[in-house]
N, C-alpha and C. Protein backbone atom coordinates (compact mmCIF):
# COMPACT_ATOMS: atom_id res chain seq x y z
N MET A 1 8.37 -44.63 42.18
CA MET A 1 7.69 -43.99 41.24
C MET A 1 8.53 -44.70 39.84
N LEU A 2 9.69 -44.39 39.90
CA LEU A 2 10.56 -44.81 38.95
C LEU A 2 10.75 -46.19 38.69
N LYS A 3 10.56 -47.25 40.07
CA LYS A 3 10.79 -48.62 39.92
C LYS A 3 9.10 -49.03 39.40
N MET A 4 7.99 -47.96 39.42
CA MET A 4 6.81 -48.79 38.84
C MET A 4 7.01 -48.48 37.20
N ALA A 5 7.56 -47.26 36.90
CA ALA A 5 7.79 -47.05 35.55
C ALA A 5 8.73 -48.03 34.78
N LYS A 6 9.54 -48.67 35.69
CA LYS A 6 10.30 -49.88 35.11
C LYS A 6 11.11 -49.15 34.31
N VAL A 7 12.11 -48.05 34.90
CA VAL A 7 13.17 -47.34 34.25
C VAL A 7 14.35 -47.50 35.61
N GLN A 8 15.63 -47.58 34.48
CA GLN A 8 16.68 -47.30 35.14
C GLN A 8 17.80 -46.53 35.36
N LEU A 9 17.97 -46.09 36.29
CA LEU A 9 18.96 -44.81 36.13
C LEU A 9 20.40 -45.14 35.88
N ASP A 10 21.37 -44.73 35.48
CA ASP A 10 22.49 -44.73 34.85
C ASP A 10 23.34 -44.48 36.58
N GLY A 11 22.83 -44.22 37.80
CA GLY A 11 23.64 -44.09 38.90
C GLY A 11 23.76 -42.72 39.11
N ARG A 12 23.34 -41.72 38.49
CA ARG A 12 23.72 -40.60 38.83
C ARG A 12 22.38 -39.54 38.78
N VAL A 13 22.18 -38.87 39.94
CA VAL A 13 21.44 -37.91 40.24
C VAL A 13 21.94 -36.43 40.73
N ALA A 14 21.74 -35.72 40.05
CA ALA A 14 22.19 -34.42 40.37
C ALA A 14 21.12 -33.26 41.12
N PHE A 15 21.45 -32.76 42.12
CA PHE A 15 20.52 -31.91 42.87
C PHE A 15 21.14 -30.61 42.42
N LEU A 16 20.03 -29.81 41.90
CA LEU A 16 20.32 -28.45 41.46
C LEU A 16 19.79 -27.27 42.50
N LYS A 17 20.13 -26.03 42.58
CA LYS A 17 19.33 -25.00 43.07
C LYS A 17 17.81 -24.86 42.73
N ASP A 18 17.81 -25.37 41.41
CA ASP A 18 16.29 -25.17 41.15
C ASP A 18 15.51 -26.54 40.70
N GLY A 19 16.37 -27.46 40.96
CA GLY A 19 15.86 -28.98 40.66
C GLY A 19 16.39 -30.14 40.75
N ILE A 20 16.07 -31.23 39.94
CA ILE A 20 16.74 -32.47 40.22
C ILE A 20 17.26 -32.80 38.60
N LEU A 21 18.42 -33.54 38.51
CA LEU A 21 19.25 -33.85 37.32
C LEU A 21 19.00 -35.09 37.11
N PHE A 22 18.51 -36.43 36.49
CA PHE A 22 18.22 -37.65 36.78
C PHE A 22 19.08 -38.22 35.44
N LYS A 23 19.93 -38.89 35.19
CA LYS A 23 20.69 -39.66 33.89
C LYS A 23 20.22 -40.85 34.27
N PHE A 24 19.62 -41.25 32.81
CA PHE A 24 18.82 -42.61 32.59
C PHE A 24 19.90 -43.53 31.55
N LEU A 25 19.72 -44.83 31.82
CA LEU A 25 20.22 -45.78 30.42
C LEU A 25 20.32 -45.28 29.33
N SER A 26 18.80 -45.09 29.10
CA SER A 26 18.56 -44.65 27.51
C SER A 26 17.64 -43.43 27.54
N ALA A 27 17.52 -42.77 26.23
CA ALA A 27 16.41 -41.94 26.38
C ALA A 27 14.87 -41.95 26.34
N ASN A 28 14.68 -43.69 25.86
CA ASN A 28 13.34 -44.06 26.26
C ASN A 28 13.06 -44.32 27.60
N ASP A 29 14.15 -44.61 28.47
CA ASP A 29 13.36 -44.56 30.00
C ASP A 29 13.53 -43.19 30.42
N ALA A 30 14.16 -42.19 30.01
CA ALA A 30 14.27 -40.82 30.31
C ALA A 30 12.55 -40.56 30.01
N GLN A 31 12.26 -40.73 28.76
CA GLN A 31 10.89 -40.38 28.58
C GLN A 31 10.05 -40.97 29.47
N GLN A 32 9.97 -42.29 29.78
CA GLN A 32 9.15 -43.00 30.60
C GLN A 32 9.22 -42.57 31.82
N ALA A 33 10.30 -42.12 32.33
CA ALA A 33 10.32 -41.52 33.93
C ALA A 33 9.38 -39.86 33.90
N GLN A 34 9.72 -39.38 32.52
CA GLN A 34 9.03 -38.08 32.61
C GLN A 34 7.40 -38.26 32.51
N GLU A 35 6.90 -39.29 31.91
CA GLU A 35 5.63 -39.40 31.81
C GLU A 35 4.87 -39.97 33.31
N ALA A 36 6.02 -40.93 33.76
CA ALA A 36 5.55 -41.18 35.52
C ALA A 36 5.14 -40.45 36.26
N PHE A 37 6.50 -39.34 36.29
CA PHE A 37 6.48 -37.85 36.96
C PHE A 37 5.28 -36.98 36.67
N CYS A 38 4.99 -37.07 35.25
CA CYS A 38 3.81 -35.73 35.13
C CYS A 38 2.34 -36.41 35.63
N LYS A 39 2.47 -37.67 35.69
CA LYS A 39 1.04 -38.42 36.26
C LYS A 39 0.76 -37.87 37.71
N GLU A 40 1.89 -37.81 38.17
CA GLU A 40 1.79 -37.45 40.08
C GLU A 40 2.01 -35.96 40.25
N GLU A 41 3.08 -35.51 39.49
CA GLU A 41 3.66 -34.00 39.92
C GLU A 41 3.28 -32.94 38.47
N LYS A 42 2.32 -32.55 38.13
CA LYS A 42 1.86 -31.86 37.02
C LYS A 42 2.29 -30.37 37.05
N TYR A 43 2.75 -29.74 38.17
CA TYR A 43 3.08 -28.77 38.21
C TYR A 43 4.37 -28.49 38.01
N LEU A 44 5.12 -29.19 38.12
CA LEU A 44 6.79 -29.26 37.94
C LEU A 44 6.96 -29.40 36.06
N LYS A 45 8.47 -28.42 36.21
CA LYS A 45 8.64 -28.27 34.81
C LYS A 45 9.59 -29.67 34.54
N TYR A 46 9.69 -30.06 33.37
CA TYR A 46 10.29 -31.36 32.85
C TYR A 46 10.97 -30.96 31.10
N THR A 47 12.30 -31.31 31.13
CA THR A 47 13.15 -30.89 30.32
C THR A 47 13.74 -32.26 29.75
N ILE A 48 14.07 -32.90 28.78
CA ILE A 48 14.68 -34.18 28.51
C ILE A 48 15.50 -33.59 27.49
N ASP A 49 16.99 -34.30 27.40
CA ASP A 49 17.77 -33.73 26.71
C ASP A 49 18.90 -35.34 26.55
N ALA A 50 18.46 -36.11 25.37
CA ALA A 50 18.97 -37.25 25.12
C ALA A 50 18.56 -38.42 26.34
N SER A 51 19.32 -38.86 27.43
CA SER A 51 18.73 -39.77 28.52
C SER A 51 18.92 -38.86 29.48
N THR A 52 18.98 -37.57 29.30
CA THR A 52 18.80 -37.18 31.03
C THR A 52 17.73 -36.35 31.20
N LEU A 53 16.75 -35.86 32.34
CA LEU A 53 15.71 -35.87 32.83
C LEU A 53 16.07 -34.38 33.84
N LYS A 54 15.52 -33.45 33.62
CA LYS A 54 15.54 -32.32 34.23
C LYS A 54 14.28 -32.18 35.02
N ILE A 55 14.44 -32.05 36.09
CA ILE A 55 13.15 -31.70 36.87
C ILE A 55 13.27 -30.29 37.63
N THR A 56 12.42 -29.30 37.15
CA THR A 56 12.37 -28.24 37.72
C THR A 56 11.21 -27.39 38.40
N ILE A 57 11.35 -27.05 39.76
CA ILE A 57 10.26 -26.27 40.36
C ILE A 57 10.11 -24.89 39.83
N PRO A 58 8.85 -24.65 39.51
CA PRO A 58 8.66 -23.26 38.83
C PRO A 58 8.78 -22.40 39.92
N GLU A 59 9.28 -21.00 39.99
CA GLU A 59 9.62 -19.92 40.89
C GLU A 59 8.41 -19.94 41.92
N ALA A 60 7.18 -19.78 41.12
CA ALA A 60 5.97 -19.79 41.87
C ALA A 60 5.66 -20.73 42.80
N VAL A 61 5.81 -21.88 42.40
CA VAL A 61 5.12 -22.94 43.39
C VAL A 61 6.66 -23.19 44.19
N LEU A 62 7.99 -22.74 44.03
CA LEU A 62 8.80 -22.88 45.25
C LEU A 62 8.53 -21.87 46.09
N SER A 63 8.30 -20.52 45.77
CA SER A 63 7.96 -19.60 46.49
C SER A 63 6.78 -19.90 47.41
N LYS A 64 5.86 -20.53 46.97
CA LYS A 64 4.43 -20.86 47.77
C LYS A 64 4.92 -22.04 48.58
N LEU A 65 5.69 -23.20 48.33
CA LEU A 65 6.18 -23.96 49.37
C LEU A 65 7.21 -23.72 50.48
N VAL A 66 7.91 -22.49 50.00
CA VAL A 66 8.91 -22.02 51.16
C VAL A 66 7.73 -21.19 52.05
N ALA A 67 6.97 -20.36 51.72
CA ALA A 67 6.28 -19.70 52.33
C ALA A 67 5.49 -20.64 53.29
N GLU A 68 5.07 -21.83 52.70
CA GLU A 68 4.23 -22.82 53.78
C GLU A 68 5.00 -23.38 54.54
N ALA A 69 6.10 -23.63 54.07
CA ALA A 69 7.29 -24.19 55.32
C ALA A 69 7.53 -23.16 56.07
N VAL A 70 7.90 -22.13 56.06
CA VAL A 70 7.89 -20.94 57.13
C VAL A 70 6.86 -20.82 58.29
N ASP A 71 5.64 -20.80 57.52
CA ASP A 71 4.88 -20.43 58.45
C ASP A 71 4.29 -21.69 59.38
N GLY A 72 4.59 -22.86 58.79
CA GLY A 72 4.48 -24.06 59.53
C GLY A 72 5.23 -23.86 60.99
N ASN A 73 6.69 -23.27 60.72
CA ASN A 73 7.71 -23.69 61.47
C ASN A 73 7.30 -22.43 62.84
N ILE A 74 6.89 -21.52 62.10
CA ILE A 74 6.50 -20.12 62.96
C ILE A 74 5.59 -20.65 63.78
N ASP A 75 4.31 -21.31 63.26
CA ASP A 75 3.12 -22.09 64.01
C ASP A 75 3.91 -23.01 65.26
N ILE A 76 4.80 -23.76 64.66
CA ILE A 76 5.33 -24.57 65.69
C ILE A 76 6.31 -24.08 66.92
N LEU A 77 6.97 -23.16 66.31
CA LEU A 77 7.94 -22.33 67.48
C LEU A 77 7.08 -21.82 68.49
N ARG A 78 5.67 -20.90 67.99
CA ARG A 78 4.81 -20.53 68.78
C ARG A 78 3.96 -21.33 69.79
N SER A 79 3.61 -22.55 69.15
CA SER A 79 3.24 -23.42 70.07
C SER A 79 4.01 -23.99 71.03
N ARG A 80 5.45 -23.85 70.82
CA ARG A 80 6.20 -24.59 71.90
C ARG A 80 6.61 -23.35 72.94
N PHE A 81 6.53 -22.00 72.41
CA PHE A 81 7.06 -21.17 73.51
C PHE A 81 5.94 -20.63 74.26
N ALA A 82 4.56 -21.26 73.81
CA ALA A 82 3.14 -20.40 74.06
C ALA A 82 3.52 -20.31 75.71
N SER A 83 4.10 -20.84 76.39
CA SER A 83 3.89 -20.49 77.82
C SER A 83 4.88 -19.26 78.47
N LEU A 84 6.03 -19.13 77.30
CA LEU A 84 6.70 -17.69 77.58
C LEU A 84 6.27 -16.44 76.96
N SER A 85 5.45 -15.69 77.83
CA SER A 85 4.83 -14.55 76.96
C SER A 85 5.67 -13.43 76.50
N GLU A 86 6.94 -13.67 76.70
CA GLU A 86 7.61 -12.46 76.29
C GLU A 86 8.47 -12.59 75.11
N ILE A 87 8.35 -13.69 74.44
CA ILE A 87 8.97 -14.30 73.03
C ILE A 87 8.59 -13.72 71.84
N HIS A 88 9.26 -13.23 71.13
CA HIS A 88 8.74 -12.74 69.78
C HIS A 88 8.92 -13.46 68.47
N ILE A 89 8.11 -14.23 67.72
CA ILE A 89 8.75 -14.48 66.74
C ILE A 89 7.78 -13.77 65.31
N SER A 90 9.13 -13.77 64.59
CA SER A 90 8.29 -12.96 63.10
C SER A 90 9.10 -14.22 62.20
N ARG A 91 8.58 -13.30 61.02
CA ARG A 91 9.26 -13.83 59.67
C ARG A 91 10.39 -12.68 59.33
N GLN A 92 11.38 -13.19 58.59
CA GLN A 92 12.35 -12.08 58.32
C GLN A 92 12.50 -12.29 56.56
N GLY A 93 12.09 -11.55 56.03
CA GLY A 93 12.44 -11.74 54.64
C GLY A 93 11.56 -12.85 53.94
N PHE A 94 12.17 -13.21 53.15
CA PHE A 94 11.50 -14.70 52.09
C PHE A 94 11.54 -15.66 53.05
N SER A 95 12.36 -16.09 53.85
CA SER A 95 12.61 -17.46 54.31
C SER A 95 13.44 -17.88 55.66
N GLN A 96 13.39 -16.94 56.27
CA GLN A 96 14.23 -16.60 57.50
C GLN A 96 12.73 -16.08 58.76
N ILE A 97 13.32 -16.52 59.93
CA ILE A 97 12.31 -16.51 60.79
C ILE A 97 13.22 -15.87 61.91
N VAL A 98 13.08 -14.99 62.86
CA VAL A 98 13.51 -14.35 63.73
C VAL A 98 12.54 -14.66 65.27
N VAL A 99 13.50 -15.35 66.22
CA VAL A 99 13.21 -15.57 67.47
C VAL A 99 13.83 -14.64 68.54
N GLU A 100 12.81 -14.24 69.25
CA GLU A 100 13.81 -13.22 69.85
C GLU A 100 13.45 -13.54 71.52
N LEU A 101 14.57 -13.98 72.34
CA LEU A 101 14.13 -14.59 73.53
C LEU A 101 14.89 -13.70 74.52
N PRO A 102 13.85 -12.70 75.47
CA PRO A 102 14.94 -11.97 76.19
C PRO A 102 15.55 -12.61 77.23
N ASP A 103 16.10 -11.85 77.68
CA ASP A 103 17.04 -12.62 78.93
C ASP A 103 18.01 -13.72 78.25
N VAL A 104 18.06 -14.00 77.20
CA VAL A 104 19.03 -14.86 76.69
C VAL A 104 20.23 -14.36 75.99
N LYS A 105 20.97 -14.18 76.34
CA LYS A 105 22.10 -13.43 75.88
C LYS A 105 23.47 -14.64 74.92
N ASP A 106 23.08 -15.78 75.12
CA ASP A 106 24.06 -16.85 74.69
C ASP A 106 23.39 -17.48 73.91
N PRO A 107 23.93 -17.27 72.42
CA PRO A 107 23.74 -17.77 71.21
C PRO A 107 23.29 -19.36 71.33
N GLY A 108 24.36 -19.63 71.76
CA GLY A 108 24.26 -21.37 71.88
C GLY A 108 23.00 -21.54 72.64
N GLN A 109 22.79 -21.02 73.90
CA GLN A 109 21.77 -21.28 74.68
C GLN A 109 20.66 -21.19 74.14
N ALA A 110 20.13 -19.92 73.36
CA ALA A 110 19.00 -19.65 72.35
C ALA A 110 18.61 -20.61 71.29
N LYS A 111 19.82 -21.01 70.85
CA LYS A 111 19.89 -22.29 69.65
C LYS A 111 19.17 -23.68 70.39
N ALA A 112 20.01 -23.83 71.64
CA ALA A 112 19.24 -25.21 72.27
C ALA A 112 17.82 -25.01 72.71
N MET A 113 17.46 -23.75 73.20
CA MET A 113 16.01 -23.64 73.57
C MET A 113 15.17 -23.86 72.18
N ILE A 114 15.42 -23.45 71.16
CA ILE A 114 14.77 -23.28 70.02
C ILE A 114 14.83 -24.69 69.53
N GLY A 115 15.97 -25.28 69.72
CA GLY A 115 16.12 -26.69 68.73
C GLY A 115 15.41 -27.88 69.33
N LYS A 116 15.04 -27.83 70.44
CA LYS A 116 14.91 -28.69 71.73
C LYS A 116 13.77 -29.38 70.88
N SER A 117 13.71 -30.64 70.92
CA SER A 117 12.76 -31.78 70.20
C SER A 117 11.44 -31.52 71.33
N ALA A 118 10.37 -31.47 70.73
CA ALA A 118 8.74 -31.83 71.38
C ALA A 118 9.01 -32.80 71.86
N VAL A 119 8.22 -33.07 73.01
CA VAL A 119 7.53 -34.59 73.43
C VAL A 119 6.30 -34.72 73.00
N LEU A 120 6.09 -36.30 72.62
CA LEU A 120 4.83 -36.34 72.39
C LEU A 120 4.27 -37.32 73.27
N GLU A 121 3.62 -37.85 73.97
CA GLU A 121 3.37 -38.40 75.17
C GLU A 121 1.96 -39.36 75.09
N PHE A 122 1.91 -40.28 74.95
CA PHE A 122 0.57 -41.19 75.00
C PHE A 122 0.41 -41.90 76.43
N ILE A 123 -1.08 -41.46 76.77
CA ILE A 123 -1.73 -41.85 77.80
C ILE A 123 -2.77 -42.42 77.81
N ARG A 124 -2.78 -43.82 78.61
CA ARG A 124 -3.73 -44.84 78.49
C ARG A 124 -4.81 -43.92 79.18
N ILE A 125 -6.20 -44.36 78.74
CA ILE A 125 -7.43 -43.74 79.68
C ILE A 125 -8.20 -44.84 80.09
N SER A 126 -8.59 -44.68 81.21
CA SER A 126 -9.88 -45.62 81.54
C SER A 126 -11.14 -45.56 80.96
N VAL A 127 -11.50 -46.35 80.10
CA VAL A 127 -12.66 -46.26 79.30
C VAL A 127 -13.97 -46.30 80.62
N THR A 128 -13.48 -46.86 81.97
CA THR A 128 -14.62 -46.51 82.95
C THR A 128 -14.74 -45.41 83.62
N ARG A 129 -13.79 -44.62 83.37
CA ARG A 129 -13.61 -43.38 83.69
C ARG A 129 -14.32 -42.12 82.98
N PHE A 130 -14.22 -42.49 81.55
CA PHE A 130 -14.60 -42.06 80.49
C PHE A 130 -15.29 -42.74 79.72
N PRO A 131 -16.59 -43.08 80.21
CA PRO A 131 -17.22 -44.19 78.82
C PRO A 131 -17.71 -43.46 77.71
N PHE A 132 -17.82 -42.17 77.36
CA PHE A 132 -17.71 -41.97 75.97
C PHE A 132 -16.80 -42.20 74.79
N LEU A 133 -15.63 -42.34 75.40
CA LEU A 133 -14.36 -42.59 74.80
C LEU A 133 -14.37 -44.36 74.15
N THR A 134 -14.37 -44.38 73.17
CA THR A 134 -13.88 -46.12 72.60
C THR A 134 -12.62 -45.88 72.01
N TYR A 135 -11.82 -47.00 72.10
CA TYR A 135 -10.96 -47.28 70.89
C TYR A 135 -10.28 -48.69 70.74
């Protein structure tokens, strides 16, 4: 986006608790960057101070994004452990997930089970066996 706006950073980007701070070569570059960002991300808050642009995520938007991310992760965990009936997965507080694994006492083993990567397999299907499929 910054490349399309034809603006140049002075090389410094700082990640803040509530946003990102960009340092540009000029105040004009900061203004052009703000205009480019505003076209794409209208819900963010933009503050310019000389050649510095601060982009802040409003608390309500951040809360919604975190809630959606936590819910998505809970759904993934539930599908990953769907074959195990005694596992309990729930939200704790605003941004934490609790996974209760019965009969697992070792935290390292629990982390390994939860963090295991999912596997996606592609299998070629014969069209003669399933003529309604086309690809």
